[in-house]
mmCIF file of all heavy atoms, coordinates in Angstrom:
data_MODEL
# 
_entry.id   MODEL 
# 
loop_
_atom_site.group_PDB 
_atom_site.id 
_atom_site.type_symbol 
_atom_site.label_atom_id 
_atom_site.label_alt_id 
_atom_site.label_comp_id 
_atom_site.label_asym_id 
_atom_site.label_entity_id 
_atom_site.label_seq_id 
_atom_site.pdbx_PDB_ins_code 
_atom_site.Cartn_x 
_atom_site.Cartn_y 
_atom_site.Cartn_z 
_atom_site.occupancy 
_atom_site.B_iso_or_equiv 
_atom_site.pdbx_formal_charge 
_atom_site.auth_seq_id 
_atom_site.auth_comp_id 
_atom_site.auth_asym_id 
_atom_site.auth_atom_id 
_atom_site.pdbx_PDB_model_num 
ATOM 1   N N   . GLY A 1 1  ? 189.697 83.730 57.234 1.00 0.00 ? 1  GLY A N   1 
ATOM 2   C CA  . GLY A 1 1  ? 190.821 83.031 57.843 1.00 0.00 ? 1  GLY A CA  1 
ATOM 3   C C   . GLY A 1 1  ? 192.018 82.942 56.918 1.00 0.00 ? 1  GLY A C   1 
ATOM 4   O O   . GLY A 1 1  ? 193.174 82.991 57.366 1.00 0.00 ? 1  GLY A O   1 
ATOM 5   N N   . LEU A 1 2  ? 191.768 82.824 55.612 1.00 0.00 ? 2  LEU A N   1 
ATOM 6   C CA  . LEU A 1 2  ? 192.872 82.784 54.642 1.00 0.00 ? 2  LEU A CA  1 
ATOM 7   C C   . LEU A 1 2  ? 193.602 84.123 54.595 1.00 0.00 ? 2  LEU A C   1 
ATOM 8   O O   . LEU A 1 2  ? 194.832 84.164 54.463 1.00 0.00 ? 2  LEU A O   1 
ATOM 9   C CB  . LEU A 1 2  ? 192.344 82.410 53.258 1.00 0.00 ? 2  LEU A CB  1 
ATOM 10  C CG  . LEU A 1 2  ? 191.803 80.994 53.113 1.00 0.00 ? 2  LEU A CG  1 
ATOM 11  C CD1 . LEU A 1 2  ? 191.242 80.767 51.714 1.00 0.00 ? 2  LEU A CD1 1 
ATOM 12  C CD2 . LEU A 1 2  ? 192.890 79.959 53.410 1.00 0.00 ? 2  LEU A CD2 1 
ATOM 13  N N   . ILE A 1 3  ? 192.847 85.203 54.688 1.00 0.00 ? 3  ILE A N   1 
ATOM 14  C CA  . ILE A 1 3  ? 193.486 86.524 54.746 1.00 0.00 ? 3  ILE A CA  1 
ATOM 15  C C   . ILE A 1 3  ? 194.370 86.613 55.989 1.00 0.00 ? 3  ILE A C   1 
ATOM 16  O O   . ILE A 1 3  ? 195.503 87.128 55.936 1.00 0.00 ? 3  ILE A O   1 
ATOM 17  C CB  . ILE A 1 3  ? 192.420 87.641 54.750 1.00 0.00 ? 3  ILE A CB  1 
ATOM 18  C CG1 . ILE A 1 3  ? 191.592 87.610 53.465 1.00 0.00 ? 3  ILE A CG1 1 
ATOM 19  C CG2 . ILE A 1 3  ? 193.079 89.009 54.933 1.00 0.00 ? 3  ILE A CG2 1 
ATOM 20  C CD1 . ILE A 1 3  ? 192.377 87.828 52.197 1.00 0.00 ? 3  ILE A CD1 1 
ATOM 21  N N   . ASN A 1 4  ? 193.880 86.102 57.115 1.00 0.00 ? 4  ASN A N   1 
ATOM 22  C CA  . ASN A 1 4  ? 194.691 86.099 58.339 1.00 0.00 ? 4  ASN A CA  1 
ATOM 23  C C   . ASN A 1 4  ? 195.938 85.249 58.167 1.00 0.00 ? 4  ASN A C   1 
ATOM 24  O O   . ASN A 1 4  ? 197.016 85.601 58.676 1.00 0.00 ? 4  ASN A O   1 
ATOM 25  C CB  . ASN A 1 4  ? 193.859 85.600 59.516 1.00 0.00 ? 4  ASN A CB  1 
ATOM 26  C CG  . ASN A 1 4  ? 192.807 86.610 59.951 1.00 0.00 ? 4  ASN A CG  1 
ATOM 27  O OD1 . ASN A 1 4  ? 192.997 87.814 59.800 1.00 0.00 ? 4  ASN A OD1 1 
ATOM 28  N ND2 . ASN A 1 4  ? 191.697 86.124 60.485 1.00 0.00 ? 4  ASN A ND2 1 
ATOM 29  N N   . THR A 1 5  ? 195.818 84.126 57.474 1.00 0.00 ? 5  THR A N   1 
ATOM 30  C CA  . THR A 1 5  ? 196.984 83.274 57.230 1.00 0.00 ? 5  THR A CA  1 
ATOM 31  C C   . THR A 1 5  ? 198.057 84.041 56.474 1.00 0.00 ? 5  THR A C   1 
ATOM 32  O O   . THR A 1 5  ? 199.252 83.973 56.806 1.00 0.00 ? 5  THR A O   1 
ATOM 33  C CB  . THR A 1 5  ? 196.578 82.021 56.440 1.00 0.00 ? 5  THR A CB  1 
ATOM 34  O OG1 . THR A 1 5  ? 195.680 81.244 57.231 1.00 0.00 ? 5  THR A OG1 1 
ATOM 35  C CG2 . THR A 1 5  ? 197.792 81.172 56.089 1.00 0.00 ? 5  THR A CG2 1 
ATOM 36  N N   . TYR A 1 6  ? 197.641 84.772 55.436 1.00 0.00 ? 6  TYR A N   1 
ATOM 37  C CA  . TYR A 1 6  ? 198.622 85.554 54.667 1.00 0.00 ? 6  TYR A CA  1 
ATOM 38  C C   . TYR A 1 6  ? 199.281 86.620 55.545 1.00 0.00 ? 6  TYR A C   1 
ATOM 39  O O   . TYR A 1 6  ? 200.505 86.814 55.506 1.00 0.00 ? 6  TYR A O   1 
ATOM 40  C CB  . TYR A 1 6  ? 197.951 86.203 53.459 1.00 0.00 ? 6  TYR A CB  1 
ATOM 41  C CG  . TYR A 1 6  ? 198.888 87.093 52.680 1.00 0.00 ? 6  TYR A CG  1 
ATOM 42  C CD1 . TYR A 1 6  ? 199.915 86.545 51.916 1.00 0.00 ? 6  TYR A CD1 1 
ATOM 43  C CD2 . TYR A 1 6  ? 198.775 88.483 52.747 1.00 0.00 ? 6  TYR A CD2 1 
ATOM 44  C CE1 . TYR A 1 6  ? 200.799 87.354 51.224 1.00 0.00 ? 6  TYR A CE1 1 
ATOM 45  C CE2 . TYR A 1 6  ? 199.653 89.303 52.059 1.00 0.00 ? 6  TYR A CE2 1 
ATOM 46  C CZ  . TYR A 1 6  ? 200.660 88.744 51.291 1.00 0.00 ? 6  TYR A CZ  1 
ATOM 47  O OH  . TYR A 1 6  ? 201.542 89.549 50.620 1.00 0.00 ? 6  TYR A OH  1 
ATOM 48  N N   . LYS A 1 7  ? 198.486 87.291 56.361 1.00 0.00 ? 7  LYS A N   1 
ATOM 49  C CA  . LYS A 1 7  ? 199.042 88.335 57.223 1.00 0.00 ? 7  LYS A CA  1 
ATOM 50  C C   . LYS A 1 7  ? 200.016 87.763 58.246 1.00 0.00 ? 7  LYS A C   1 
ATOM 51  O O   . LYS A 1 7  ? 200.987 88.426 58.625 1.00 0.00 ? 7  LYS A O   1 
ATOM 52  C CB  . LYS A 1 7  ? 197.909 89.073 57.940 1.00 0.00 ? 7  LYS A CB  1 
ATOM 53  C CG  . LYS A 1 7  ? 197.044 89.942 57.033 1.00 0.00 ? 7  LYS A CG  1 
ATOM 54  C CD  . LYS A 1 7  ? 195.895 90.585 57.809 1.00 0.00 ? 7  LYS A CD  1 
ATOM 55  C CE  . LYS A 1 7  ? 195.065 91.512 56.940 1.00 0.00 ? 7  LYS A CE  1 
ATOM 56  N NZ  . LYS A 1 7  ? 193.912 92.104 57.674 1.00 0.00 ? 7  LYS A NZ  1 
ATOM 57  N N   . GLU A 1 8  ? 199.760 86.557 58.694 1.00 0.00 ? 8  GLU A N   1 
ATOM 58  C CA  . GLU A 1 8  ? 200.565 85.967 59.771 1.00 0.00 ? 8  GLU A CA  1 
ATOM 59  C C   . GLU A 1 8  ? 201.763 85.167 59.276 1.00 0.00 ? 8  GLU A C   1 
ATOM 60  O O   . GLU A 1 8  ? 202.682 84.890 60.053 1.00 0.00 ? 8  GLU A O   1 
ATOM 61  C CB  . GLU A 1 8  ? 199.663 85.078 60.641 1.00 0.00 ? 8  GLU A CB  1 
ATOM 62  C CG  . GLU A 1 8  ? 198.611 85.875 61.401 1.00 0.00 ? 8  GLU A CG  1 
ATOM 63  C CD  . GLU A 1 8  ? 197.440 85.047 61.894 1.00 0.00 ? 8  GLU A CD  1 
ATOM 64  O OE1 . GLU A 1 8  ? 197.614 83.823 62.069 1.00 0.00 ? 8  GLU A OE1 1 
ATOM 65  O OE2 . GLU A 1 8  ? 196.341 85.614 62.099 1.00 0.00 ? 8  GLU A OE2 1 
ATOM 66  N N   . SER A 1 9  ? 201.754 84.790 57.987 1.00 0.00 ? 9  SER A N   1 
ATOM 67  C CA  . SER A 1 9  ? 202.856 83.949 57.498 1.00 0.00 ? 9  SER A CA  1 
ATOM 68  C C   . SER A 1 9  ? 203.496 84.459 56.221 1.00 0.00 ? 9  SER A C   1 
ATOM 69  O O   . SER A 1 9  ? 204.551 83.963 55.823 1.00 0.00 ? 9  SER A O   1 
ATOM 70  C CB  . SER A 1 9  ? 202.343 82.531 57.248 1.00 0.00 ? 9  SER A CB  1 
ATOM 71  O OG  . SER A 1 9  ? 201.545 82.474 56.070 1.00 0.00 ? 9  SER A OG  1 
ATOM 72  N N   . GLY A 1 10 ? 202.855 85.399 55.561 1.00 0.00 ? 10 GLY A N   1 
ATOM 73  C CA  . GLY A 1 10 ? 203.394 85.905 54.309 1.00 0.00 ? 10 GLY A CA  1 
ATOM 74  C C   . GLY A 1 10 ? 202.961 85.119 53.090 1.00 0.00 ? 10 GLY A C   1 
ATOM 75  O O   . GLY A 1 10 ? 203.360 85.460 51.972 1.00 0.00 ? 10 GLY A O   1 
ATOM 76  N N   . PHE A 1 11 ? 202.167 84.078 53.287 1.00 0.00 ? 11 PHE A N   1 
ATOM 77  C CA  . PHE A 1 11 ? 201.693 83.253 52.177 1.00 0.00 ? 11 PHE A CA  1 
ATOM 78  C C   . PHE A 1 11 ? 200.279 82.772 52.457 1.00 0.00 ? 11 PHE A C   1 
ATOM 79  O O   . PHE A 1 11 ? 199.910 82.540 53.619 1.00 0.00 ? 11 PHE A O   1 
ATOM 80  C CB  . PHE A 1 11 ? 202.584 82.023 51.984 1.00 0.00 ? 11 PHE A CB  1 
ATOM 81  C CG  . PHE A 1 11 ? 203.919 82.312 51.356 1.00 0.00 ? 11 PHE A CG  1 
ATOM 82  C CD1 . PHE A 1 11 ? 205.003 82.690 52.148 1.00 0.00 ? 11 PHE A CD1 1 
ATOM 83  C CD2 . PHE A 1 11 ? 204.098 82.210 49.988 1.00 0.00 ? 11 PHE A CD2 1 
ATOM 84  C CE1 . PHE A 1 11 ? 206.235 82.959 51.581 1.00 0.00 ? 11 PHE A CE1 1 
ATOM 85  C CE2 . PHE A 1 11 ? 205.332 82.483 49.411 1.00 0.00 ? 11 PHE A CE2 1 
ATOM 86  C CZ  . PHE A 1 11 ? 206.403 82.859 50.204 1.00 0.00 ? 11 PHE A CZ  1 
ATOM 87  N N   . PHE A 1 12 ? 199.506 82.592 51.399 1.00 0.00 ? 12 PHE A N   1 
ATOM 88  C CA  . PHE A 1 12 ? 198.284 81.820 51.528 1.00 0.00 ? 12 PHE A CA  1 
ATOM 89  C C   . PHE A 1 12 ? 198.670 80.350 51.651 1.00 0.00 ? 12 PHE A C   1 
ATOM 90  O O   . PHE A 1 12 ? 199.681 79.919 51.089 1.00 0.00 ? 12 PHE A O   1 
ATOM 91  C CB  . PHE A 1 12 ? 197.377 82.023 50.314 1.00 0.00 ? 12 PHE A CB  1 
ATOM 92  C CG  . PHE A 1 12 ? 196.735 83.374 50.254 1.00 0.00 ? 12 PHE A CG  1 
ATOM 93  C CD1 . PHE A 1 12 ? 196.908 84.200 49.157 1.00 0.00 ? 12 PHE A CD1 1 
ATOM 94  C CD2 . PHE A 1 12 ? 195.950 83.829 51.307 1.00 0.00 ? 12 PHE A CD2 1 
ATOM 95  C CE1 . PHE A 1 12 ? 196.316 85.455 49.101 1.00 0.00 ? 12 PHE A CE1 1 
ATOM 96  C CE2 . PHE A 1 12 ? 195.347 85.082 51.266 1.00 0.00 ? 12 PHE A CE2 1 
ATOM 97  C CZ  . PHE A 1 12 ? 195.540 85.898 50.157 1.00 0.00 ? 12 PHE A CZ  1 
ATOM 98  N N   . PRO A 1 13 ? 197.880 79.568 52.351 1.00 0.00 ? 13 PRO A N   1 
ATOM 99  C CA  . PRO A 1 13 ? 198.228 78.146 52.486 1.00 0.00 ? 13 PRO A CA  1 
ATOM 100 C C   . PRO A 1 13 ? 197.901 77.367 51.205 1.00 0.00 ? 13 PRO A C   1 
ATOM 101 O O   . PRO A 1 13 ? 197.035 77.772 50.432 1.00 0.00 ? 13 PRO A O   1 
ATOM 102 C CB  . PRO A 1 13 ? 197.334 77.687 53.640 1.00 0.00 ? 13 PRO A CB  1 
ATOM 103 C CG  . PRO A 1 13 ? 196.118 78.552 53.518 1.00 0.00 ? 13 PRO A CG  1 
ATOM 104 C CD  . PRO A 1 13 ? 196.615 79.892 53.044 1.00 0.00 ? 13 PRO A CD  1 
ATOM 105 N N   . GLU A 1 14 ? 198.583 76.273 51.013 1.00 0.00 ? 14 GLU A N   1 
ATOM 106 C CA  . GLU A 1 14 ? 198.225 75.308 49.970 1.00 0.00 ? 14 GLU A CA  1 
ATOM 107 C C   . GLU A 1 14 ? 197.839 73.974 50.612 1.00 0.00 ? 14 GLU A C   1 
ATOM 108 O O   . GLU A 1 14 ? 196.926 73.307 50.172 1.00 0.00 ? 14 GLU A O   1 
ATOM 109 C CB  . GLU A 1 14 ? 199.383 75.122 48.980 1.00 0.00 ? 14 GLU A CB  1 
ATOM 110 C CG  . GLU A 1 14 ? 199.823 76.405 48.295 1.00 0.00 ? 14 GLU A CG  1 
ATOM 111 C CD  . GLU A 1 14 ? 198.742 77.080 47.458 1.00 0.00 ? 14 GLU A CD  1 
ATOM 112 O OE1 . GLU A 1 14 ? 197.794 76.387 47.042 1.00 0.00 ? 14 GLU A OE1 1 
ATOM 113 O OE2 . GLU A 1 14 ? 198.831 78.309 47.244 1.00 0.00 ? 14 GLU A OE2 1 
ATOM 114 N N   . TRP A 1 15 ? 198.573 73.598 51.643 1.00 0.00 ? 15 TRP A N   1 
ATOM 115 C CA  . TRP A 1 15 ? 198.200 72.457 52.498 1.00 0.00 ? 15 TRP A CA  1 
ATOM 116 C C   . TRP A 1 15 ? 198.447 72.901 53.938 1.00 0.00 ? 15 TRP A C   1 
ATOM 117 O O   . TRP A 1 15 ? 199.585 73.206 54.305 1.00 0.00 ? 15 TRP A O   1 
ATOM 118 C CB  . TRP A 1 15 ? 199.041 71.216 52.186 1.00 0.00 ? 15 TRP A CB  1 
ATOM 119 C CG  . TRP A 1 15 ? 198.227 69.968 51.960 1.00 0.00 ? 15 TRP A CG  1 
ATOM 120 C CD1 . TRP A 1 15 ? 198.152 69.239 50.809 1.00 0.00 ? 15 TRP A CD1 1 
ATOM 121 C CD2 . TRP A 1 15 ? 197.384 69.290 52.917 1.00 0.00 ? 15 TRP A CD2 1 
ATOM 122 N NE1 . TRP A 1 15 ? 197.299 68.160 50.968 1.00 0.00 ? 15 TRP A NE1 1 
ATOM 123 C CE2 . TRP A 1 15 ? 196.816 68.159 52.240 1.00 0.00 ? 15 TRP A CE2 1 
ATOM 124 C CE3 . TRP A 1 15 ? 197.024 69.523 54.241 1.00 0.00 ? 15 TRP A CE3 1 
ATOM 125 C CZ2 . TRP A 1 15 ? 195.930 67.276 52.869 1.00 0.00 ? 15 TRP A CZ2 1 
ATOM 126 C CZ3 . TRP A 1 15 ? 196.146 68.649 54.872 1.00 0.00 ? 15 TRP A CZ3 1 
ATOM 127 C CH2 . TRP A 1 15 ? 195.607 67.535 54.188 1.00 0.00 ? 15 TRP A CH2 1 
ATOM 128 N N   . ALA A 1 16 ? 197.394 72.967 54.724 1.00 0.00 ? 16 ALA A N   1 
ATOM 129 C CA  . ALA A 1 16 ? 197.520 73.444 56.103 1.00 0.00 ? 16 ALA A CA  1 
ATOM 130 C C   . ALA A 1 16 ? 197.085 72.366 57.078 1.00 0.00 ? 16 ALA A C   1 
ATOM 131 O O   . ALA A 1 16 ? 196.022 71.770 56.915 1.00 0.00 ? 16 ALA A O   1 
ATOM 132 C CB  . ALA A 1 16 ? 196.674 74.687 56.315 1.00 0.00 ? 16 ALA A CB  1 
ATOM 133 N N   . SER A 1 17 ? 197.923 72.102 58.105 1.00 0.00 ? 17 SER A N   1 
ATOM 134 C CA  . SER A 1 17 ? 197.547 71.169 59.175 1.00 0.00 ? 17 SER A CA  1 
ATOM 135 C C   . SER A 1 17 ? 198.555 71.265 60.322 1.00 0.00 ? 17 SER A C   1 
ATOM 136 O O   . SER A 1 17 ? 199.510 70.499 60.359 1.00 0.00 ? 17 SER A O   1 
ATOM 137 C CB  . SER A 1 17 ? 197.487 69.734 58.662 1.00 0.00 ? 17 SER A CB  1 
ATOM 138 O OG  . SER A 1 17 ? 197.079 68.860 59.696 1.00 0.00 ? 17 SER A OG  1 
ATOM 139 N N   . PRO A 1 18 ? 198.340 72.120 61.323 1.00 0.00 ? 18 PRO A N   1 
ATOM 140 C CA  . PRO A 1 18 ? 197.451 73.269 61.249 1.00 0.00 ? 18 PRO A CA  1 
ATOM 141 C C   . PRO A 1 18 ? 198.071 74.438 60.498 1.00 0.00 ? 18 PRO A C   1 
ATOM 142 O O   . PRO A 1 18 ? 197.382 75.290 59.966 1.00 0.00 ? 18 PRO A O   1 
ATOM 143 C CB  . PRO A 1 18 ? 197.206 73.615 62.711 1.00 0.00 ? 18 PRO A CB  1 
ATOM 144 C CG  . PRO A 1 18 ? 198.467 73.206 63.399 1.00 0.00 ? 18 PRO A CG  1 
ATOM 145 C CD  . PRO A 1 18 ? 198.952 71.980 62.669 1.00 0.00 ? 18 PRO A CD  1 
ATOM 146 N N   . GLY A 1 19 ? 199.442 74.487 60.454 1.00 0.00 ? 19 GLY A N   1 
ATOM 147 C CA  . GLY A 1 19 ? 200.129 75.504 59.665 1.00 0.00 ? 19 GLY A CA  1 
ATOM 148 C C   . GLY A 1 19 ? 200.550 74.942 58.319 1.00 0.00 ? 19 GLY A C   1 
ATOM 149 O O   . GLY A 1 19 ? 200.077 73.893 57.880 1.00 0.00 ? 19 GLY A O   1 
ATOM 150 N N   . HIS A 1 20 ? 201.460 75.636 57.625 1.00 0.00 ? 20 HIS A N   1 
ATOM 151 C CA  . HIS A 1 20 ? 201.911 75.205 56.303 1.00 0.00 ? 20 HIS A CA  1 
ATOM 152 C C   . HIS A 1 20 ? 202.561 73.818 56.388 1.00 0.00 ? 20 HIS A C   1 
ATOM 153 O O   . HIS A 1 20 ? 203.395 73.553 57.258 1.00 0.00 ? 20 HIS A O   1 
ATOM 154 C CB  . HIS A 1 20 ? 202.946 76.187 55.748 1.00 0.00 ? 20 HIS A CB  1 
ATOM 155 C CG  . HIS A 1 20 ? 202.402 77.557 55.475 1.00 0.00 ? 20 HIS A CG  1 
ATOM 156 N ND1 . HIS A 1 20 ? 201.354 77.792 54.612 1.00 0.00 ? 20 HIS A ND1 1 
ATOM 157 C CD2 . HIS A 1 20 ? 202.775 78.786 55.948 1.00 0.00 ? 20 HIS A CD2 1 
ATOM 158 C CE1 . HIS A 1 20 ? 201.102 79.090 54.557 1.00 0.00 ? 20 HIS A CE1 1 
ATOM 159 N NE2 . HIS A 1 20 ? 201.941 79.716 55.366 1.00 0.00 ? 20 HIS A NE2 1 
ATOM 160 N N   . ARG A 1 21 ? 202.199 72.956 55.447 1.00 0.00 ? 21 ARG A N   1 
ATOM 161 C CA  . ARG A 1 21 ? 202.770 71.616 55.382 1.00 0.00 ? 21 ARG A CA  1 
ATOM 162 C C   . ARG A 1 21 ? 203.348 71.357 53.999 1.00 0.00 ? 21 ARG A C   1 
ATOM 163 O O   . ARG A 1 21 ? 202.821 71.822 52.984 1.00 0.00 ? 21 ARG A O   1 
ATOM 164 C CB  . ARG A 1 21 ? 201.703 70.561 55.704 1.00 0.00 ? 21 ARG A CB  1 
ATOM 165 C CG  . ARG A 1 21 ? 201.140 70.665 57.111 1.00 0.00 ? 21 ARG A CG  1 
ATOM 166 C CD  . ARG A 1 21 ? 202.171 70.368 58.190 1.00 0.00 ? 21 ARG A CD  1 
ATOM 167 N NE  . ARG A 1 21 ? 202.611 68.998 58.149 1.00 0.00 ? 21 ARG A NE  1 
ATOM 168 C CZ  . ARG A 1 21 ? 201.991 67.974 58.769 1.00 0.00 ? 21 ARG A CZ  1 
ATOM 169 N NH1 . ARG A 1 21 ? 200.876 68.217 59.476 1.00 0.00 ? 21 ARG A NH1 1 
ATOM 170 N NH2 . ARG A 1 21 ? 202.451 66.755 58.704 1.00 0.00 ? 21 ARG A NH2 1 
ATOM 171 N N   . GLU A 1 22 ? 204.391 70.578 53.958 1.00 0.00 ? 22 GLU A N   1 
ATOM 172 C CA  . GLU A 1 22 ? 205.056 70.221 52.700 1.00 0.00 ? 22 GLU A CA  1 
ATOM 173 C C   . GLU A 1 22 ? 204.298 69.067 52.065 1.00 0.00 ? 22 GLU A C   1 
ATOM 174 O O   . GLU A 1 22 ? 204.492 67.906 52.418 1.00 0.00 ? 22 GLU A O   1 
ATOM 175 C CB  . GLU A 1 22 ? 206.507 69.820 52.976 1.00 0.00 ? 22 GLU A CB  1 
ATOM 176 C CG  . GLU A 1 22 ? 207.336 69.520 51.742 1.00 0.00 ? 22 GLU A CG  1 
ATOM 177 C CD  . GLU A 1 22 ? 207.642 70.768 50.933 1.00 0.00 ? 22 GLU A CD  1 
ATOM 178 O OE1 . GLU A 1 22 ? 208.448 71.593 51.379 1.00 0.00 ? 22 GLU A OE1 1 
ATOM 179 O OE2 . GLU A 1 22 ? 207.048 70.896 49.849 1.00 0.00 ? 22 GLU A OE2 1 
ATOM 180 N N   . CYS A 1 23 ? 203.403 69.380 51.128 1.00 0.00 ? 23 CYS A N   1 
ATOM 181 C CA  . CYS A 1 23 ? 202.570 68.334 50.523 1.00 0.00 ? 23 CYS A CA  1 
ATOM 182 C C   . CYS A 1 23 ? 201.945 68.837 49.227 1.00 0.00 ? 23 CYS A C   1 
ATOM 183 O O   . CYS A 1 23 ? 201.404 69.941 49.192 1.00 0.00 ? 23 CYS A O   1 
ATOM 184 C CB  . CYS A 1 23 ? 201.469 67.902 51.501 1.00 0.00 ? 23 CYS A CB  1 
ATOM 185 S SG  . CYS A 1 23 ? 200.555 66.446 50.979 1.00 0.00 ? 23 CYS A SG  1 
ATOM 186 N N   . MET A 1 24 ? 202.039 68.053 48.178 1.00 0.00 ? 24 MET A N   1 
ATOM 187 C CA  . MET A 1 24 ? 201.390 68.279 46.885 1.00 0.00 ? 24 MET A CA  1 
ATOM 188 C C   . MET A 1 24 ? 201.975 69.504 46.158 1.00 0.00 ? 24 MET A C   1 
ATOM 189 O O   . MET A 1 24 ? 202.986 70.051 46.561 1.00 0.00 ? 24 MET A O   1 
ATOM 190 C CB  . MET A 1 24 ? 199.882 68.386 47.040 1.00 0.00 ? 24 MET A CB  1 
ATOM 191 C CG  . MET A 1 24 ? 199.251 67.240 47.830 1.00 0.00 ? 24 MET A CG  1 
ATOM 192 S SD  . MET A 1 24 ? 199.812 65.569 47.379 1.00 0.00 ? 24 MET A SD  1 
ATOM 193 C CE  . MET A 1 24 ? 199.015 65.352 45.795 1.00 0.00 ? 24 MET A CE  1 
ATOM 194 N N   . VAL A 1 25 ? 201.317 69.882 45.038 1.00 0.00 ? 25 VAL A N   1 
ATOM 195 C CA  . VAL A 1 25 ? 201.845 70.931 44.167 1.00 0.00 ? 25 VAL A CA  1 
ATOM 196 C C   . VAL A 1 25 ? 200.742 71.936 43.864 1.00 0.00 ? 25 VAL A C   1 
ATOM 197 O O   . VAL A 1 25 ? 199.600 71.784 44.267 1.00 0.00 ? 25 VAL A O   1 
ATOM 198 C CB  . VAL A 1 25 ? 202.382 70.341 42.845 1.00 0.00 ? 25 VAL A CB  1 
ATOM 199 C CG1 . VAL A 1 25 ? 203.446 69.280 43.112 1.00 0.00 ? 25 VAL A CG1 1 
ATOM 200 C CG2 . VAL A 1 25 ? 201.240 69.751 41.992 1.00 0.00 ? 25 VAL A CG2 1 
ATOM 201 N N   . GLY A 1 26 ? 201.106 72.971 43.095 1.00 0.00 ? 26 GLY A N   1 
ATOM 202 C CA  . GLY A 1 26 ? 200.124 73.947 42.654 1.00 0.00 ? 26 GLY A CA  1 
ATOM 203 C C   . GLY A 1 26 ? 200.056 75.160 43.556 1.00 0.00 ? 26 GLY A C   1 
ATOM 204 O O   . GLY A 1 26 ? 200.636 75.194 44.647 1.00 0.00 ? 26 GLY A O   1 
ATOM 205 N N   . ASN A 1 27 ? 199.350 76.155 43.076 1.00 0.00 ? 27 ASN A N   1 
ATOM 206 C CA  . ASN A 1 27 ? 199.151 77.416 43.783 1.00 0.00 ? 27 ASN A CA  1 
ATOM 207 C C   . ASN A 1 27 ? 197.650 77.671 43.850 1.00 0.00 ? 27 ASN A C   1 
ATOM 208 O O   . ASN A 1 27 ? 197.148 78.733 43.536 1.00 0.00 ? 27 ASN A O   1 
ATOM 209 C CB  . ASN A 1 27 ? 199.888 78.523 43.015 1.00 0.00 ? 27 ASN A CB  1 
ATOM 210 C CG  . ASN A 1 27 ? 199.785 79.893 43.636 1.00 0.00 ? 27 ASN A CG  1 
ATOM 211 O OD1 . ASN A 1 27 ? 199.749 80.878 42.927 1.00 0.00 ? 27 ASN A OD1 1 
ATOM 212 N ND2 . ASN A 1 27 ? 199.725 79.983 44.964 1.00 0.00 ? 27 ASN A ND2 1 
ATOM 213 N N   . ASN A 1 28 ? 196.925 76.610 44.278 1.00 0.00 ? 28 ASN A N   1 
ATOM 214 C CA  . ASN A 1 28 ? 195.475 76.590 44.107 1.00 0.00 ? 28 ASN A CA  1 
ATOM 215 C C   . ASN A 1 28 ? 194.713 77.420 45.131 1.00 0.00 ? 28 ASN A C   1 
ATOM 216 O O   . ASN A 1 28 ? 193.479 77.477 45.073 1.00 0.00 ? 28 ASN A O   1 
ATOM 217 C CB  . ASN A 1 28 ? 194.984 75.144 44.106 1.00 0.00 ? 28 ASN A CB  1 
ATOM 218 C CG  . ASN A 1 28 ? 195.579 74.376 42.932 1.00 0.00 ? 28 ASN A CG  1 
ATOM 219 O OD1 . ASN A 1 28 ? 195.481 74.815 41.797 1.00 0.00 ? 28 ASN A OD1 1 
ATOM 220 N ND2 . ASN A 1 28 ? 196.224 73.259 43.209 1.00 0.00 ? 28 ASN A ND2 1 
ATOM 221 N N   . SER A 1 29 ? 195.426 78.073 46.038 1.00 0.00 ? 29 SER A N   1 
ATOM 222 C CA  . SER A 1 29 ? 194.766 79.078 46.873 1.00 0.00 ? 29 SER A CA  1 
ATOM 223 C C   . SER A 1 29 ? 194.152 80.151 45.982 1.00 0.00 ? 29 SER A C   1 
ATOM 224 O O   . SER A 1 29 ? 193.135 80.761 46.347 1.00 0.00 ? 29 SER A O   1 
ATOM 225 C CB  . SER A 1 29 ? 195.761 79.701 47.852 1.00 0.00 ? 29 SER A CB  1 
ATOM 226 O OG  . SER A 1 29 ? 196.892 80.222 47.161 1.00 0.00 ? 29 SER A OG  1 
# 
């Protein structure tokens, strides 16, 4: 599902609900 997220949005998620959300820091994907 993470691979699909990258294909569909251009980024791996860091906080998802249900799509990308503005929350917290880091690139922990």
